[in-house]
C-alpha atoms as a PDB file:
ATOM      1  CA  UNK A   1      82.493  84.786 276.683  1.00  0.00           C
ATOM      2  CA  UNK A   2      80.867  87.859 275.220  1.00  0.00           C
ATOM      3  CA  UNK A   3      77.388  87.646 273.722  1.00  0.00           C
ATOM      4  CA  UNK A   4      78.417  88.064 270.081  1.00  0.00           C
ATOM      5  CA  UNK A   5      81.071  85.353 270.195  1.00  0.00           C
ATOM      6  CA  UNK A   6      78.712  83.079 272.126  1.00  0.00           C
ATOM      7  CA  UNK A   7      75.955  83.697 269.568  1.00  0.00           C
ATOM      8  CA  UNK A   8      78.216  82.819 266.632  1.00  0.00           C
ATOM      9  CA  UNK A   9      79.282  79.607 268.349  1.00  0.00           C
ATOM     10  CA  UNK A  10      75.700  78.757 269.355  1.00  0.00           C
ATOM     11  CA  UNK A  11      74.346  79.374 265.857  1.00  0.00           C
ATOM     12  CA  UNK A  12      77.000  77.035 264.496  1.00  0.00           C
ATOM     13  CA  UNK A  13      75.714  74.085 266.532  1.00  0.00           C
ATOM     14  CA  UNK A  14      73.809  71.363 264.684  1.00  0.00           C
ATOM     15  CA  UNK A  15      70.100  72.132 264.579  1.00  0.00           C
ATOM     16  CA  UNK A  16      70.426  75.694 265.889  1.00  0.00           C
ATOM     17  CA  UNK A  17      69.989  77.554 262.568  1.00  0.00           C
ATOM     18  CA  UNK A  18      66.938  75.492 261.665  1.00  0.00           C
ATOM     19  CA  UNK A  19      65.373  75.941 265.110  1.00  0.00           C
ATOM     20  CA  UNK A  20      66.055  79.696 265.016  1.00  0.00           C
ATOM     21  CA  UNK A  21      64.551  80.116 261.540  1.00  0.00           C
ATOM     22  CA  UNK A  22      61.467  78.105 262.500  1.00  0.00           C
ATOM     23  CA  UNK A  23      60.946  80.252 265.592  1.00  0.00           C
ATOM     24  CA  UNK A  24      61.375  83.412 263.506  1.00  0.00           C
ATOM     25  CA  UNK A  25      59.416  82.509 260.374  1.00  0.00           C
ATOM     26  CA  UNK A  26      56.745  80.186 261.764  1.00  0.00           C
ATOM     27  CA  UNK A  27      56.197  81.618 265.249  1.00  0.00           C
ATOM     28  CA  UNK A  28      57.007  85.343 264.981  1.00  0.00           C
ATOM     29  CA  UNK A  29      59.897  85.267 267.434  1.00  0.00           C
ATOM     30  CA  UNK A  30      63.133  87.256 267.245  1.00  0.00           C
ATOM     31  CA  UNK A  31      66.000  84.814 267.408  1.00  0.00           C
ATOM     32  CA  UNK A  32      68.525  87.429 268.514  1.00  0.00           C
ATOM     33  CA  UNK A  33      66.359  88.176 271.543  1.00  0.00           C
ATOM     34  CA  UNK A  34      65.902  84.471 272.306  1.00  0.00           C
ATOM     35  CA  UNK A  35      69.618  83.768 272.015  1.00  0.00           C
ATOM     36  CA  UNK A  36      70.398  86.737 274.265  1.00  0.00           C
ATOM     37  CA  UNK A  37      68.008  85.363 276.909  1.00  0.00           C
ATOM     38  CA  UNK A  38      69.763  81.991 276.866  1.00  0.00           C
ATOM     39  CA  UNK A  39      73.182  83.669 277.075  1.00  0.00           C
ATOM     40  CA  UNK A  40      71.964  85.934 279.895  1.00  0.00           C
ATOM     41  CA  UNK A  41      70.429  82.903 281.619  1.00  0.00           C
ATOM     42  CA  UNK A  42      67.484  85.083 282.527  1.00  0.00           C
ATOM     43  CA  UNK A  43      63.799  84.646 283.155  1.00  0.00           C
ATOM     44  CA  UNK A  44      63.618  88.009 284.965  1.00  0.00           C
ATOM     45  CA  UNK A  45      60.451  89.702 283.672  1.00  0.00           C
ATOM     46  CA  UNK A  46      61.683  93.268 284.153  1.00  0.00           C
ATOM     47  CA  UNK A  47      64.952  92.609 282.314  1.00  0.00           C
ATOM     48  CA  UNK A  48      63.162  90.672 279.555  1.00  0.00           C
ATOM     49  CA  UNK A  49      60.636  93.484 279.088  1.00  0.00           C
ATOM     50  CA  UNK A  50      63.409  96.084 278.899  1.00  0.00           C
ATOM     51  CA  UNK A  51      65.419  94.022 276.425  1.00  0.00           C
ATOM     52  CA  UNK A  52      62.325  93.236 274.342  1.00  0.00           C
ATOM     53  CA  UNK A  53      61.622  96.964 274.072  1.00  0.00           C
ATOM     54  CA  UNK A  54      65.114  97.637 272.761  1.00  0.00           C
ATOM     55  CA  UNK A  55      64.906  94.674 270.381  1.00  0.00           C
ATOM     56  CA  UNK A  56      61.470  95.671 269.034  1.00  0.00           C
ATOM     57  CA  UNK A  57      62.568  99.229 268.321  1.00  0.00           C
ATOM     58  CA  UNK A  58      65.795  98.078 266.604  1.00  0.00           C
ATOM     59  CA  UNK A  59      63.898  95.438 264.651  1.00  0.00           C
ATOM     60  CA  UNK A  60      61.490  98.048 263.305  1.00  0.00           C
ATOM     61  CA  UNK A  61      64.203 100.545 262.501  1.00  0.00           C
ATOM     62  CA  UNK A  62      66.908  98.301 261.054  1.00  0.00           C
ATOM     63  CA  UNK A  63      66.550  94.532 261.092  1.00  0.00           C
ATOM     64  CA  UNK A  64      63.175  93.949 259.445  1.00  0.00           C
ATOM     65  CA  UNK A  65      63.702  96.502 256.665  1.00  0.00           C
ATOM     66  CA  UNK A  66      67.173  95.165 255.863  1.00  0.00           C
ATOM     67  CA  UNK A  67      65.942  91.555 255.957  1.00  0.00           C
ATOM     68  CA  UNK A  68      63.071  92.452 253.618  1.00  0.00           C
ATOM     69  CA  UNK A  69      65.494  93.960 251.102  1.00  0.00           C
ATOM     70  CA  UNK A  70      67.787  90.919 251.311  1.00  0.00           C
ATOM     71  CA  UNK A  71      64.891  88.557 250.705  1.00  0.00           C
ATOM     72  CA  UNK A  72      63.520  90.700 247.868  1.00  0.00           C
ATOM     73  CA  UNK A  73      66.892  90.524 246.129  1.00  0.00           C
ATOM     74  CA  UNK A  74      66.977  86.714 246.128  1.00  0.00           C
ATOM     75  CA  UNK A  75      65.074  85.993 242.882  1.00  0.00           C
ATOM     76  CA  UNK A  76      66.342  87.053 239.470  1.00  0.00           C
ATOM     77  CA  UNK A  77      65.314  90.527 238.359  1.00  0.00           C
ATOM     78  CA  UNK A  78      64.719  91.081 234.679  1.00  0.00           C
ATOM     79  CA  UNK A  79      67.127  93.709 233.337  1.00  0.00           C
ATOM     80  CA  UNK A  80      69.671  93.380 236.155  1.00  0.00           C
ATOM     81  CA  UNK A  81      72.661  91.074 235.842  1.00  0.00           C
ATOM     82  CA  UNK A  82      72.440  88.150 238.284  1.00  0.00           C
ATOM     83  CA  UNK A  83      76.021  88.685 239.453  1.00  0.00           C
ATOM     84  CA  UNK A  84      75.354  92.346 240.220  1.00  0.00           C
ATOM     85  CA  UNK A  85      72.083  91.538 242.005  1.00  0.00           C
ATOM     86  CA  UNK A  86      73.673  88.754 244.013  1.00  0.00           C
ATOM     87  CA  UNK A  87      76.635  91.001 244.894  1.00  0.00           C
ATOM     88  CA  UNK A  88      74.258  93.626 246.218  1.00  0.00           C
ATOM     89  CA  UNK A  89      72.352  90.927 248.121  1.00  0.00           C
ATOM     90  CA  UNK A  90      75.611  89.864 249.792  1.00  0.00           C
ATOM     91  CA  UNK A  91      76.272  93.500 250.768  1.00  0.00           C
ATOM     92  CA  UNK A  92      72.785  93.745 252.268  1.00  0.00           C
ATOM     93  CA  UNK A  93      73.337  90.425 254.065  1.00  0.00           C
ATOM     94  CA  UNK A  94      76.508  91.883 255.616  1.00  0.00           C
ATOM     95  CA  UNK A  95      74.535  94.953 256.716  1.00  0.00           C
ATOM     96  CA  UNK A  96      71.894  92.671 258.256  1.00  0.00           C
ATOM     97  CA  UNK A  97      74.568  90.783 260.175  1.00  0.00           C
ATOM     98  CA  UNK A  98      76.061  94.087 261.370  1.00  0.00           C
ATOM     99  CA  UNK A  99      72.616  95.228 262.526  1.00  0.00           C
ATOM    100  CA  UNK A 100      72.240  91.942 264.448  1.00  0.00           C
ATOM    101  CA  UNK A 101      75.590  92.558 266.096  1.00  0.00           C
ATOM    102  CA  UNK A 102      74.658  96.120 267.074  1.00  0.00           C
ATOM    103  CA  UNK A 103      71.519  94.761 268.733  1.00  0.00           C
ATOM    104  CA  UNK A 104      73.461  92.050 270.547  1.00  0.00           C
ATOM    105  CA  UNK A 105      75.945  94.632 271.830  1.00  0.00           C
ATOM    106  CA  UNK A 106      73.047  96.769 273.104  1.00  0.00           C
ATOM    107  CA  UNK A 107      71.438  93.785 274.825  1.00  0.00           C
ATOM    108  CA  UNK A 108      74.721  92.732 276.383  1.00  0.00           C
ATOM    109  CA  UNK A 109      75.192  96.266 277.707  1.00  0.00           C
ATOM    110  CA  UNK A 110      71.898  96.145 279.635  1.00  0.00           C
ATOM    111  CA  UNK A 111      72.573  92.708 281.115  1.00  0.00           C
ATOM    112  CA  UNK A 112      73.708  93.153 284.718  1.00  0.00           C
ATOM    113  CA  UNK A 113      74.924  89.570 285.051  1.00  0.00           C
ATOM    114  CA  UNK A 114      74.059  86.081 283.962  1.00  0.00           C
ATOM    115  CA  UNK A 115      71.101  84.870 285.987  1.00  0.00           C
ATOM    116  CA  UNK A 116      71.416  81.088 286.116  1.00  0.00           C
ATOM    117  CA  UNK A 117      68.150  80.143 284.391  1.00  0.00           C
ATOM    118  CA  UNK A 118      68.350  76.971 282.280  1.00  0.00           C
ATOM    119  CA  UNK A 119      68.104  77.450 278.507  1.00  0.00           C
ATOM    120  CA  UNK A 120      64.517  76.230 278.131  1.00  0.00           C
ATOM    121  CA  UNK A 121      63.322  78.345 281.065  1.00  0.00           C
ATOM    122  CA  UNK A 122      64.991  81.430 279.569  1.00  0.00           C
ATOM    123  CA  UNK A 123      63.545  80.674 276.125  1.00  0.00           C
ATOM    124  CA  UNK A 124      60.002  80.247 277.451  1.00  0.00           C
ATOM    125  CA  UNK A 125      60.210  83.497 279.425  1.00  0.00           C
ATOM    126  CA  UNK A 126      61.737  85.409 276.497  1.00  0.00           C
ATOM    127  CA  UNK A 127      59.199  84.027 274.041  1.00  0.00           C
ATOM    128  CA  UNK A 128      56.355  85.169 276.297  1.00  0.00           C
ATOM    129  CA  UNK A 129      57.982  88.591 276.721  1.00  0.00           C
ATOM    130  CA  UNK A 130      58.218  88.942 272.935  1.00  0.00           C
ATOM    131  CA  UNK A 131      54.487  88.435 272.464  1.00  0.00           C
ATOM    132  CA  UNK A 132      52.515  85.324 271.635  1.00  0.00           C
ATOM    133  CA  UNK A 133      54.657  82.516 273.039  1.00  0.00           C
ATOM    134  CA  UNK A 134      56.071  79.992 270.621  1.00  0.00           C
ATOM    135  CA  UNK A 135      55.069  76.355 271.130  1.00  0.00           C
ATOM    136  CA  UNK A 136      57.071  74.548 273.785  1.00  0.00           C
ATOM    137  CA  UNK A 137      58.316  71.955 271.279  1.00  0.00           C
ATOM    138  CA  UNK A 138      59.848  74.669 269.054  1.00  0.00           C
ATOM    139  CA  UNK A 139      61.584  76.260 272.032  1.00  0.00           C
ATOM    140  CA  UNK A 140      62.727  72.848 273.251  1.00  0.00           C
ATOM    141  CA  UNK A 141      64.325  72.181 269.847  1.00  0.00           C
ATOM    142  CA  UNK A 142      66.411  75.323 270.172  1.00  0.00           C
ATOM    143  CA  UNK A 143      67.280  74.583 273.807  1.00  0.00           C
ATOM    144  CA  UNK A 144      68.440  71.096 272.821  1.00  0.00           C
ATOM    145  CA  UNK A 145      70.556  72.476 269.981  1.00  0.00           C
ATOM    146  CA  UNK A 146      72.191  74.971 272.357  1.00  0.00           C
ATOM    147  CA  UNK A 147      72.938  72.388 275.073  1.00  0.00           C
END
């Protein structure tokens, strides 16, 4: 199964969205990168470093700015109709999802093959490659949701 389809299925599993958001918002991780690592079954440092570089650049260029706009559009804005604001927010949300997909396609393209690492091993290695590693319990929650 391709990475994008796998990611959609994985994110739909009970507990996965909550675990992903906690890793992103509380621990500074990029969930797309973590999910890719699980899909790729990799703990290979060179591949993780290469993928993290791509993900960091794309995050700075597209994902973080789009996410910031989407979040900024959430509360009411005096002088702008709520329906219009919410419609624009939905458009921005679609752009954010498209940007996630573009990143996933780029990460899939640099993945030579699936490596065989268990989910938690891949998550720990990816989290460390991203920067300050997330706590083991937070990674274990995501691994459990994906199993």
